[in-house]
Amino acid sequence: MSKQIDNIIAAVIDAEGRYSNHKADRGGETMYGITRAVARANGYQGDMRDMPRALAEHIYRNRFVVQPWFDKVLLRSTLIGEELVDTGVNMGPHRAAEFLQRWLNGFNLPGSGYDDLFVDGRIGDISLNALDRFLAKRGREGEGVMLRALNCTQGNRYLELTEHDSDQRTFLYGWVRARVVI
């Protein structure tokens, strides 16, 4: 599991790139996709260009995999877990968890074996149980459909961001190209 998480984090860092300080990026100055604010919250006080990759990896593991319980999702479905980590990095773990909860509710038919979830953006035992039951009922096909559903919602969120702030259009094509993978 640890090697799998290391690989996911390496892919995220590859997608995020190294140093960036684009004027339209709401996150501001970043290194390996880690914002200055997040780096400071994790004790890094140096120039962002010099932030060690190992610190970025540590932050990704704790903040974007373990704390939101996406590691527990990975145990159930590599595809869904990887998607939640990637979406969480780009939109926040809370939003990624919300997307999963909303889709679990949307796919919840009578006889699914779970009650609709309270969409609070936090993965816990109840959400994991619902995912287990969804996957047991729908199997490999359901896993693929869930992945598509999550990507649909992610893509829609990117479009909404650009509709509310036209400066974000600079990033829309790249977000869809690199992040909305089906």
N, C-alpha and C. Protein backbone atom coordinates (compact mmCIF):
# COMPACT_ATOMS: atom_id res chain seq x y z
N MET A 1 0.82 -1.20 0.00
CA MET A 1 0.00 0.00 0.00
C MET A 1 0.87 1.26 0.00
N SER A 2 1.94 1.25 0.77
CA SER A 2 2.80 2.42 0.86
C SER A 2 3.43 2.74 -0.50
N LYS A 3 3.86 1.70 -1.23
CA LYS A 3 4.44 1.89 -2.56
C LYS A 3 3.39 2.45 -3.52
N GLN A 4 2.17 1.98 -3.40
CA GLN A 4 1.07 2.48 -4.24
C GLN A 4 0.84 3.97 -3.98
N ILE A 5 0.83 4.35 -2.72
CA ILE A 5 0.66 5.77 -2.37
C ILE A 5 1.84 6.58 -2.87
N ASP A 6 3.05 6.05 -2.74
CA ASP A 6 4.24 6.74 -3.26
C ASP A 6 4.09 6.99 -4.76
N ASN A 7 3.59 6.00 -5.50
CA ASN A 7 3.40 6.14 -6.95
C ASN A 7 2.35 7.18 -7.29
N ILE A 8 1.28 7.21 -6.52
CA ILE A 8 0.22 8.20 -6.74
C ILE A 8 0.77 9.60 -6.50
N ILE A 9 1.50 9.76 -5.42
CA ILE A 9 2.08 11.07 -5.09
C ILE A 9 3.08 11.49 -6.16
N ALA A 10 3.88 10.56 -6.65
CA ALA A 10 4.84 10.89 -7.72
C ALA A 10 4.10 11.36 -8.97
N ALA A 11 2.98 10.71 -9.30
CA ALA A 11 2.19 11.11 -10.47
C ALA A 11 1.59 12.50 -10.27
N VAL A 12 1.13 12.78 -9.05
CA VAL A 12 0.58 14.10 -8.75
C VAL A 12 1.66 15.17 -8.91
N ILE A 13 2.83 14.91 -8.36
CA ILE A 13 3.92 15.88 -8.46
C ILE A 13 4.34 16.08 -9.91
N ASP A 14 4.36 15.01 -10.69
CA ASP A 14 4.67 15.15 -12.12
C ASP A 14 3.63 16.02 -12.81
N ALA A 15 2.36 15.84 -12.47
CA ALA A 15 1.29 16.65 -13.08
C ALA A 15 1.37 18.10 -12.63
N GLU A 16 1.71 18.32 -11.38
CA GLU A 16 1.75 19.68 -10.83
C GLU A 16 2.98 20.45 -11.30
N GLY A 17 4.08 19.75 -11.54
CA GLY A 17 5.31 20.42 -11.96
C GLY A 17 6.07 21.01 -10.79
N ARG A 18 7.07 21.80 -11.13
CA ARG A 18 7.92 22.37 -10.09
C ARG A 18 7.39 23.72 -9.65
N TYR A 19 8.19 24.74 -9.72
CA TYR A 19 7.82 26.06 -9.22
C TYR A 19 6.87 26.77 -10.18
N SER A 20 5.88 27.44 -9.60
CA SER A 20 4.95 28.25 -10.38
C SER A 20 4.49 29.44 -9.55
N ASN A 21 4.30 30.54 -10.23
CA ASN A 21 3.75 31.73 -9.58
C ASN A 21 2.94 32.52 -10.62
N HIS A 22 1.94 31.85 -11.20
CA HIS A 22 1.11 32.44 -12.25
C HIS A 22 0.16 33.45 -11.64
N LYS A 23 0.07 34.61 -12.24
CA LYS A 23 -0.75 35.69 -11.68
C LYS A 23 -2.23 35.33 -11.55
N ALA A 24 -2.72 34.43 -12.40
CA ALA A 24 -4.14 34.07 -12.32
C ALA A 24 -4.41 32.89 -11.39
N ASP A 25 -3.36 32.26 -10.89
CA ASP A 25 -3.54 31.09 -10.02
C ASP A 25 -3.94 31.54 -8.63
N ARG A 26 -5.14 31.16 -8.23
CA ARG A 26 -5.65 31.55 -6.91
C ARG A 26 -4.80 31.01 -5.77
N GLY A 27 -4.10 29.91 -6.02
CA GLY A 27 -3.23 29.33 -5.00
C GLY A 27 -1.95 30.11 -4.80
N GLY A 28 -1.68 31.01 -5.73
CA GLY A 28 -0.46 31.80 -5.63
C GLY A 28 0.78 30.99 -5.91
N GLU A 29 1.84 31.33 -5.24
CA GLU A 29 3.13 30.69 -5.42
C GLU A 29 3.07 29.23 -4.97
N THR A 30 3.56 28.32 -5.83
CA THR A 30 3.56 26.90 -5.50
C THR A 30 4.88 26.24 -5.90
N MET A 31 5.17 25.15 -5.23
CA MET A 31 6.28 24.28 -5.60
C MET A 31 5.76 22.86 -5.50
N TYR A 32 5.89 22.10 -6.59
CA TYR A 32 5.36 20.74 -6.67
C TYR A 32 3.85 20.72 -6.43
N GLY A 33 3.18 21.85 -6.66
CA GLY A 33 1.74 21.94 -6.45
C GLY A 33 1.36 22.31 -5.03
N ILE A 34 2.31 22.42 -4.14
CA ILE A 34 2.04 22.81 -2.76
C ILE A 34 2.06 24.34 -2.68
N THR A 35 0.96 24.92 -2.20
CA THR A 35 0.90 26.37 -2.10
C THR A 35 1.79 26.87 -0.97
N ARG A 36 2.14 28.12 -1.07
CA ARG A 36 2.96 28.76 -0.03
C ARG A 36 2.26 28.65 1.33
N ALA A 37 0.94 28.89 1.34
CA ALA A 37 0.19 28.84 2.60
C ALA A 37 0.26 27.44 3.22
N VAL A 38 0.11 26.41 2.41
CA VAL A 38 0.17 25.04 2.93
C VAL A 38 1.59 24.71 3.39
N ALA A 39 2.59 25.15 2.63
CA ALA A 39 3.98 24.92 3.05
C ALA A 39 4.24 25.57 4.40
N ARG A 40 3.78 26.81 4.57
CA ARG A 40 3.98 27.53 5.84
C ARG A 40 3.24 26.82 6.98
N ALA A 41 2.04 26.35 6.70
CA ALA A 41 1.26 25.64 7.72
C ALA A 41 1.94 24.34 8.15
N ASN A 42 2.83 23.85 7.30
CA ASN A 42 3.57 22.62 7.60
C ASN A 42 5.01 22.90 8.02
N GLY A 43 5.27 24.15 8.41
CA GLY A 43 6.55 24.49 9.00
C GLY A 43 7.63 24.96 8.06
N TYR A 44 7.40 24.97 6.75
CA TYR A 44 8.44 25.42 5.82
C TYR A 44 8.43 26.94 5.73
N GLN A 45 9.57 27.55 5.99
CA GLN A 45 9.66 29.01 5.99
C GLN A 45 10.58 29.56 4.89
N GLY A 46 11.20 28.69 4.12
CA GLY A 46 12.15 29.13 3.10
C GLY A 46 11.49 29.62 1.83
N ASP A 47 12.34 29.96 0.86
CA ASP A 47 11.88 30.35 -0.47
C ASP A 47 11.18 29.15 -1.11
N MET A 48 10.04 29.38 -1.72
CA MET A 48 9.27 28.28 -2.30
C MET A 48 10.06 27.55 -3.38
N ARG A 49 10.92 28.24 -4.09
CA ARG A 49 11.73 27.59 -5.13
C ARG A 49 12.66 26.53 -4.54
N ASP A 50 12.96 26.65 -3.26
CA ASP A 50 13.89 25.73 -2.59
C ASP A 50 13.20 24.65 -1.75
N MET A 51 11.88 24.63 -1.75
CA MET A 51 11.18 23.65 -0.93
C MET A 51 11.55 22.23 -1.37
N PRO A 52 11.97 21.39 -0.44
CA PRO A 52 12.37 20.03 -0.80
C PRO A 52 11.19 19.18 -1.29
N ARG A 53 11.46 18.37 -2.26
CA ARG A 53 10.43 17.46 -2.78
C ARG A 53 9.93 16.53 -1.67
N ALA A 54 10.83 16.12 -0.79
CA ALA A 54 10.44 15.22 0.31
C ALA A 54 9.37 15.86 1.18
N LEU A 55 9.43 17.16 1.38
CA LEU A 55 8.39 17.84 2.16
C LEU A 55 7.07 17.82 1.41
N ALA A 56 7.12 18.07 0.11
CA ALA A 56 5.89 17.99 -0.70
C ALA A 56 5.28 16.60 -0.61
N GLU A 57 6.11 15.57 -0.70
CA GLU A 57 5.62 14.20 -0.61
C GLU A 57 4.97 13.95 0.75
N HIS A 58 5.60 14.44 1.81
CA HIS A 58 5.06 14.29 3.16
C HIS A 58 3.70 14.98 3.28
N ILE A 59 3.61 16.20 2.77
CA ILE A 59 2.35 16.95 2.83
C ILE A 59 1.27 16.22 2.04
N TYR A 60 1.60 15.77 0.83
CA TYR A 60 0.60 15.05 0.03
C TYR A 60 0.12 13.79 0.76
N ARG A 61 1.04 13.04 1.32
CA ARG A 61 0.65 11.80 2.00
C ARG A 61 -0.31 12.10 3.16
N ASN A 62 0.06 13.07 4.00
CA ASN A 62 -0.75 13.35 5.18
C ASN A 62 -2.04 14.08 4.84
N ARG A 63 -1.93 15.18 4.12
CA ARG A 63 -3.08 16.06 3.91
C ARG A 63 -4.04 15.57 2.83
N PHE A 64 -3.53 14.86 1.82
CA PHE A 64 -4.35 14.50 0.68
C PHE A 64 -4.61 13.00 0.52
N VAL A 65 -4.01 12.18 1.40
CA VAL A 65 -4.25 10.74 1.34
C VAL A 65 -4.75 10.22 2.68
N VAL A 66 -3.97 10.39 3.74
CA VAL A 66 -4.30 9.78 5.03
C VAL A 66 -5.41 10.54 5.77
N GLN A 67 -5.27 11.85 5.95
CA GLN A 67 -6.27 12.60 6.72
C GLN A 67 -7.68 12.48 6.15
N PRO A 68 -7.87 12.57 4.82
CA PRO A 68 -9.23 12.44 4.30
C PRO A 68 -9.70 10.99 4.12
N TRP A 69 -8.91 10.04 4.56
CA TRP A 69 -9.21 8.62 4.49
C TRP A 69 -9.23 8.08 3.07
N PHE A 70 -8.57 8.76 2.14
CA PHE A 70 -8.52 8.26 0.77
C PHE A 70 -7.66 7.00 0.69
N ASP A 71 -6.78 6.78 1.67
CA ASP A 71 -6.02 5.53 1.72
C ASP A 71 -6.96 4.35 1.95
N LYS A 72 -8.02 4.57 2.70
CA LYS A 72 -9.00 3.52 2.95
C LYS A 72 -9.85 3.26 1.70
N VAL A 73 -10.09 4.29 0.92
CA VAL A 73 -10.78 4.12 -0.36
C VAL A 73 -9.87 3.33 -1.32
N LEU A 74 -8.58 3.64 -1.32
CA LEU A 74 -7.63 2.92 -2.18
C LEU A 74 -7.64 1.42 -1.90
N LEU A 75 -7.85 1.03 -0.65
CA LEU A 75 -7.92 -0.39 -0.32
C LEU A 75 -9.12 -1.07 -0.99
N ARG A 76 -10.15 -0.31 -1.27
CA ARG A 76 -11.37 -0.83 -1.88
C ARG A 76 -11.33 -0.73 -3.40
N SER A 77 -10.76 0.36 -3.90
CA SER A 77 -10.70 0.60 -5.33
C SER A 77 -9.53 1.51 -5.64
N THR A 78 -8.55 0.99 -6.33
CA THR A 78 -7.41 1.80 -6.73
C THR A 78 -7.86 2.95 -7.62
N LEU A 79 -8.72 2.67 -8.59
CA LEU A 79 -9.17 3.71 -9.53
C LEU A 79 -9.88 4.86 -8.81
N ILE A 80 -10.81 4.53 -7.96
CA ILE A 80 -11.57 5.56 -7.26
C ILE A 80 -10.68 6.30 -6.27
N GLY A 81 -9.84 5.56 -5.56
CA GLY A 81 -8.93 6.20 -4.61
C GLY A 81 -7.97 7.16 -5.28
N GLU A 82 -7.39 6.75 -6.40
CA GLU A 82 -6.48 7.63 -7.14
C GLU A 82 -7.20 8.89 -7.60
N GLU A 83 -8.42 8.73 -8.07
CA GLU A 83 -9.20 9.88 -8.53
C GLU A 83 -9.49 10.84 -7.39
N LEU A 84 -9.83 10.32 -6.22
CA LEU A 84 -10.09 11.19 -5.08
C LEU A 84 -8.84 11.95 -4.66
N VAL A 85 -7.70 11.29 -4.67
CA VAL A 85 -6.45 11.97 -4.32
C VAL A 85 -6.19 13.09 -5.31
N ASP A 86 -6.27 12.79 -6.60
CA ASP A 86 -5.99 13.79 -7.63
C ASP A 86 -6.97 14.97 -7.54
N THR A 87 -8.24 14.68 -7.41
CA THR A 87 -9.24 15.75 -7.28
C THR A 87 -9.01 16.53 -6.00
N GLY A 88 -8.68 15.83 -4.93
CA GLY A 88 -8.42 16.49 -3.66
C GLY A 88 -7.25 17.45 -3.73
N VAL A 89 -6.21 17.07 -4.46
CA VAL A 89 -5.06 17.94 -4.63
C VAL A 89 -5.47 19.21 -5.37
N ASN A 90 -6.28 19.05 -6.39
CA ASN A 90 -6.61 20.17 -7.26
C ASN A 90 -7.78 21.01 -6.75
N MET A 91 -8.68 20.41 -5.98
CA MET A 91 -9.89 21.13 -5.53
C MET A 91 -10.09 21.09 -4.02
N GLY A 92 -9.28 20.34 -3.33
CA GLY A 92 -9.42 20.16 -1.90
C GLY A 92 -10.04 18.81 -1.59
N PRO A 93 -9.52 18.10 -0.58
CA PRO A 93 -10.05 16.78 -0.23
C PRO A 93 -11.54 16.81 0.12
N HIS A 94 -11.98 17.88 0.72
CA HIS A 94 -13.39 18.00 1.09
C HIS A 94 -14.28 17.90 -0.14
N ARG A 95 -13.91 18.61 -1.20
CA ARG A 95 -14.70 18.59 -2.43
C ARG A 95 -14.67 17.21 -3.07
N ALA A 96 -13.51 16.56 -3.10
CA ALA A 96 -13.41 15.21 -3.67
C ALA A 96 -14.31 14.24 -2.91
N ALA A 97 -14.31 14.32 -1.59
CA ALA A 97 -15.16 13.44 -0.77
C ALA A 97 -16.63 13.74 -1.04
N GLU A 98 -16.97 15.01 -1.16
CA GLU A 98 -18.36 15.39 -1.50
C GLU A 98 -18.80 14.75 -2.81
N PHE A 99 -17.93 14.82 -3.82
CA PHE A 99 -18.27 14.24 -5.12
C PHE A 99 -18.60 12.75 -4.97
N LEU A 100 -17.77 12.02 -4.22
CA LEU A 100 -18.02 10.59 -4.02
C LEU A 100 -19.34 10.38 -3.29
N GLN A 101 -19.57 11.12 -2.23
CA GLN A 101 -20.81 10.96 -1.47
C GLN A 101 -22.03 11.26 -2.33
N ARG A 102 -21.97 12.31 -3.12
CA ARG A 102 -23.10 12.66 -3.99
C ARG A 102 -23.39 11.54 -4.98
N TRP A 103 -22.35 10.99 -5.59
CA TRP A 103 -22.56 9.92 -6.56
C TRP A 103 -23.03 8.63 -5.90
N LEU A 104 -22.52 8.33 -4.71
CA LEU A 104 -23.04 7.15 -4.01
C LEU A 104 -24.53 7.31 -3.75
N ASN A 105 -24.96 8.50 -3.38
CA ASN A 105 -26.39 8.76 -3.22
C ASN A 105 -27.13 8.62 -4.54
N GLY A 106 -26.57 9.19 -5.59
CA GLY A 106 -27.23 9.14 -6.90
C GLY A 106 -27.39 7.72 -7.41
N PHE A 107 -26.43 6.85 -7.12
CA PHE A 107 -26.49 5.46 -7.58
C PHE A 107 -27.22 4.54 -6.59
N ASN A 108 -27.70 5.08 -5.48
CA ASN A 108 -28.32 4.28 -4.44
C ASN A 108 -29.76 3.95 -4.83
N LEU A 109 -29.97 2.71 -5.22
CA LEU A 109 -31.31 2.23 -5.58
C LEU A 109 -31.84 1.34 -4.46
N PRO A 110 -33.14 1.13 -4.41
CA PRO A 110 -33.67 0.20 -3.41
C PRO A 110 -32.94 -1.15 -3.51
N GLY A 111 -32.59 -1.67 -2.37
CA GLY A 111 -31.87 -2.94 -2.33
C GLY A 111 -30.36 -2.80 -2.41
N SER A 112 -29.88 -1.58 -2.47
CA SER A 112 -28.43 -1.37 -2.53
C SER A 112 -27.75 -1.73 -1.22
N GLY A 113 -28.52 -1.69 -0.13
CA GLY A 113 -27.96 -2.08 1.16
C GLY A 113 -27.37 -0.97 1.98
N TYR A 114 -27.59 0.28 1.55
CA TYR A 114 -27.12 1.40 2.36
C TYR A 114 -28.09 2.56 2.24
N ASP A 115 -28.12 3.36 3.28
CA ASP A 115 -28.94 4.56 3.27
C ASP A 115 -28.21 5.68 2.57
N ASP A 116 -28.96 6.66 2.07
CA ASP A 116 -28.32 7.84 1.49
C ASP A 116 -27.40 8.47 2.53
N LEU A 117 -26.32 9.01 2.05
CA LEU A 117 -25.32 9.62 2.91
C LEU A 117 -25.64 11.09 3.15
N PHE A 118 -25.26 11.58 4.30
CA PHE A 118 -25.25 13.02 4.55
C PHE A 118 -23.97 13.53 3.88
N VAL A 119 -24.12 14.41 2.90
CA VAL A 119 -22.98 14.89 2.13
C VAL A 119 -22.28 15.98 2.94
N ASP A 120 -21.21 15.57 3.60
CA ASP A 120 -20.47 16.50 4.45
C ASP A 120 -19.01 16.66 4.02
N GLY A 121 -18.62 15.97 2.95
CA GLY A 121 -17.26 16.10 2.47
C GLY A 121 -16.22 15.42 3.34
N ARG A 122 -16.67 14.48 4.16
CA ARG A 122 -15.74 13.73 5.02
C ARG A 122 -16.00 12.24 4.85
N ILE A 123 -14.98 11.52 4.48
CA ILE A 123 -15.10 10.07 4.35
C ILE A 123 -14.92 9.46 5.74
N GLY A 124 -15.86 8.63 6.11
CA GLY A 124 -15.80 7.91 7.38
C GLY A 124 -16.35 6.51 7.17
N ASP A 125 -16.61 5.83 8.25
CA ASP A 125 -17.09 4.45 8.16
C ASP A 125 -18.38 4.31 7.37
N ILE A 126 -19.29 5.24 7.51
CA ILE A 126 -20.58 5.16 6.81
C ILE A 126 -20.38 5.29 5.31
N SER A 127 -19.55 6.25 4.89
CA SER A 127 -19.27 6.41 3.46
C SER A 127 -18.53 5.19 2.92
N LEU A 128 -17.58 4.66 3.68
CA LEU A 128 -16.84 3.48 3.23
C LEU A 128 -17.77 2.27 3.11
N ASN A 129 -18.70 2.12 4.03
CA ASN A 129 -19.67 1.03 3.96
C ASN A 129 -20.53 1.17 2.70
N ALA A 130 -20.96 2.39 2.40
CA ALA A 130 -21.76 2.61 1.19
C ALA A 130 -20.95 2.26 -0.05
N LEU A 131 -19.68 2.66 -0.08
CA LEU A 131 -18.83 2.33 -1.22
C LEU A 131 -18.65 0.82 -1.33
N ASP A 132 -18.42 0.14 -0.22
CA ASP A 132 -18.29 -1.32 -0.23
C ASP A 132 -19.53 -1.96 -0.83
N ARG A 133 -20.69 -1.51 -0.40
CA ARG A 133 -21.95 -2.10 -0.89
C ARG A 133 -22.18 -1.78 -2.37
N PHE A 134 -21.84 -0.54 -2.77
CA PHE A 134 -21.95 -0.18 -4.18
C PHE A 134 -21.07 -1.08 -5.03
N LEU A 135 -19.81 -1.23 -4.63
CA LEU A 135 -18.88 -2.06 -5.40
C LEU A 135 -19.29 -3.53 -5.39
N ALA A 136 -19.82 -4.02 -4.27
CA ALA A 136 -20.27 -5.41 -4.20
C ALA A 136 -21.43 -5.65 -5.17
N LYS A 137 -22.31 -4.68 -5.27
CA LYS A 137 -23.48 -4.80 -6.14
C LYS A 137 -23.12 -4.60 -7.62
N ARG A 138 -22.26 -3.62 -7.89
CA ARG A 138 -21.98 -3.23 -9.28
C ARG A 138 -20.69 -3.80 -9.86
N GLY A 139 -19.79 -4.26 -9.00
CA GLY A 139 -18.56 -4.90 -9.48
C GLY A 139 -17.63 -3.98 -10.25
N ARG A 140 -16.83 -4.60 -11.11
CA ARG A 140 -15.82 -3.89 -11.89
C ARG A 140 -16.47 -2.82 -12.78
N GLU A 141 -17.60 -3.15 -13.36
CA GLU A 141 -18.30 -2.17 -14.19
C GLU A 141 -18.69 -0.94 -13.37
N GLY A 142 -19.20 -1.17 -12.17
CA GLY A 142 -19.59 -0.07 -11.30
C GLY A 142 -18.42 0.81 -10.92
N GLU A 143 -17.26 0.19 -10.73
CA GLU A 143 -16.05 0.95 -10.42
C GLU A 143 -15.73 1.92 -11.57
N GLY A 144 -15.82 1.43 -12.80
CA GLY A 144 -15.56 2.26 -13.96
C GLY A 144 -16.60 3.36 -14.13
N VAL A 145 -17.85 3.03 -13.87
CA VAL A 145 -18.92 4.03 -13.97
C VAL A 145 -18.72 5.11 -12.90
N MET A 146 -18.35 4.70 -11.69
CA MET A 146 -18.10 5.67 -10.63
C MET A 146 -16.94 6.59 -11.02
N LEU A 147 -15.90 6.04 -11.60
CA LEU A 147 -14.77 6.86 -12.03
C LEU A 147 -15.22 7.89 -13.07
N ARG A 148 -16.02 7.46 -14.04
CA ARG A 148 -16.55 8.40 -15.04
C ARG A 148 -17.40 9.46 -14.39
N ALA A 149 -18.24 9.05 -13.45
CA ALA A 149 -19.13 9.99 -12.77
C ALA A 149 -18.32 11.05 -12.01
N LEU A 150 -17.30 10.61 -11.29
CA LEU A 150 -16.46 11.55 -10.54
C LEU A 150 -15.77 12.54 -11.48
N ASN A 151 -15.30 12.03 -12.62
CA ASN A 151 -14.66 12.91 -13.59
C ASN A 151 -15.64 13.88 -14.22
N CYS A 152 -16.87 13.45 -14.44
CA CYS A 152 -17.90 14.37 -14.97
C CYS A 152 -18.10 15.54 -14.01
N THR A 153 -18.22 15.24 -12.74
CA THR A 153 -18.43 16.28 -11.74
C THR A 153 -17.21 17.19 -11.63
N GLN A 154 -16.05 16.60 -11.68
CA GLN A 154 -14.82 17.39 -11.63
C GLN A 154 -14.75 18.35 -12.83
N GLY A 155 -15.01 17.84 -14.02
CA GLY A 155 -14.98 18.68 -15.21
C GLY A 155 -16.00 19.80 -15.14
N ASN A 156 -17.18 19.48 -14.64
CA ASN A 156 -18.22 20.50 -14.49
C ASN A 156 -17.78 21.59 -13.51
N ARG A 157 -17.11 21.20 -12.44
CA ARG A 157 -16.64 22.17 -11.46
C ARG A 157 -15.60 23.11 -12.08
N TYR A 158 -14.73 22.57 -12.91
CA TYR A 158 -13.75 23.43 -13.59
C TYR A 158 -14.48 24.45 -14.48
N LEU A 159 -15.48 24.00 -15.21
CA LEU A 159 -16.24 24.92 -16.07
C LEU A 159 -16.91 26.00 -15.24
N GLU A 160 -17.51 25.61 -14.12
CA GLU A 160 -18.15 26.59 -13.23
C GLU A 160 -17.14 27.63 -12.73
N LEU A 161 -15.93 27.19 -12.40
CA LEU A 161 -14.90 28.13 -11.94
C LEU A 161 -14.62 29.19 -13.01
N THR A 162 -14.54 28.75 -14.26
CA THR A 162 -14.24 29.71 -15.33
C THR A 162 -15.44 30.60 -15.63
N GLU A 163 -16.63 30.11 -15.39
CA GLU A 163 -17.82 30.94 -15.61
C GLU A 163 -17.92 32.04 -14.57
N HIS A 164 -17.42 31.78 -13.38
CA HIS A 164 -17.45 32.79 -12.31
C HIS A 164 -16.24 33.71 -12.32
N ASP A 165 -15.14 33.25 -12.93
CA ASP A 165 -13.92 34.05 -12.98
C ASP A 165 -13.21 33.76 -14.29
N SER A 166 -13.36 34.64 -15.24
CA SER A 166 -12.82 34.40 -16.59
C SER A 166 -11.29 34.29 -16.59
N ASP A 167 -10.61 34.80 -15.57
CA ASP A 167 -9.15 34.63 -15.49
C ASP A 167 -8.77 33.16 -15.39
N GLN A 168 -9.66 32.34 -14.86
CA GLN A 168 -9.38 30.91 -14.69
C GLN A 168 -9.42 30.16 -16.02
N ARG A 169 -9.92 30.78 -17.07
CA ARG A 169 -9.95 30.14 -18.39
C ARG A 169 -8.55 29.77 -18.85
N THR A 170 -7.57 30.48 -18.36
CA THR A 170 -6.17 30.18 -18.67
C THR A 170 -5.85 28.73 -18.36
N PHE A 171 -6.50 28.18 -17.35
CA PHE A 171 -6.18 26.84 -16.86
C PHE A 171 -7.16 25.76 -17.33
N LEU A 172 -8.32 26.15 -17.85
CA LEU A 172 -9.39 25.18 -18.12
C LEU A 172 -8.96 24.05 -19.04
N TYR A 173 -8.40 24.38 -20.18
CA TYR A 173 -8.00 23.33 -21.12
C TYR A 173 -7.04 22.35 -20.47
N GLY A 174 -6.03 22.86 -19.78
CA GLY A 174 -5.05 21.99 -19.12
C GLY A 174 -5.67 21.15 -18.01
N TRP A 175 -6.58 21.76 -17.25
CA TRP A 175 -7.25 20.98 -16.20
C TRP A 175 -8.00 19.79 -16.80
N VAL A 176 -8.76 20.05 -17.85
CA VAL A 176 -9.54 18.97 -18.45
C VAL A 176 -8.62 17.95 -19.10
N ARG A 177 -7.57 18.42 -19.78
CA ARG A 177 -6.64 17.52 -20.45
C ARG A 177 -5.93 16.60 -19.45
N ALA A 178 -5.46 17.19 -18.35
CA ALA A 178 -4.61 16.43 -17.43
C ALA A 178 -5.36 15.82 -16.25
N ARG A 179 -6.49 16.38 -15.87
CA ARG A 179 -7.15 15.95 -14.64
C ARG A 179 -8.43 15.16 -14.86
N VAL A 180 -9.12 15.40 -15.93
CA VAL A 180 -10.39 14.71 -16.18
C VAL A 180 -10.09 13.56 -17.14
N VAL A 181 -9.68 12.45 -16.55
CA VAL A 181 -9.22 11.31 -17.33
C VAL A 181 -10.26 10.19 -17.23
N ILE A 182 -10.70 9.75 -18.37
CA ILE A 182 -11.71 8.68 -18.40
C ILE A 182 -11.14 7.48 -19.13
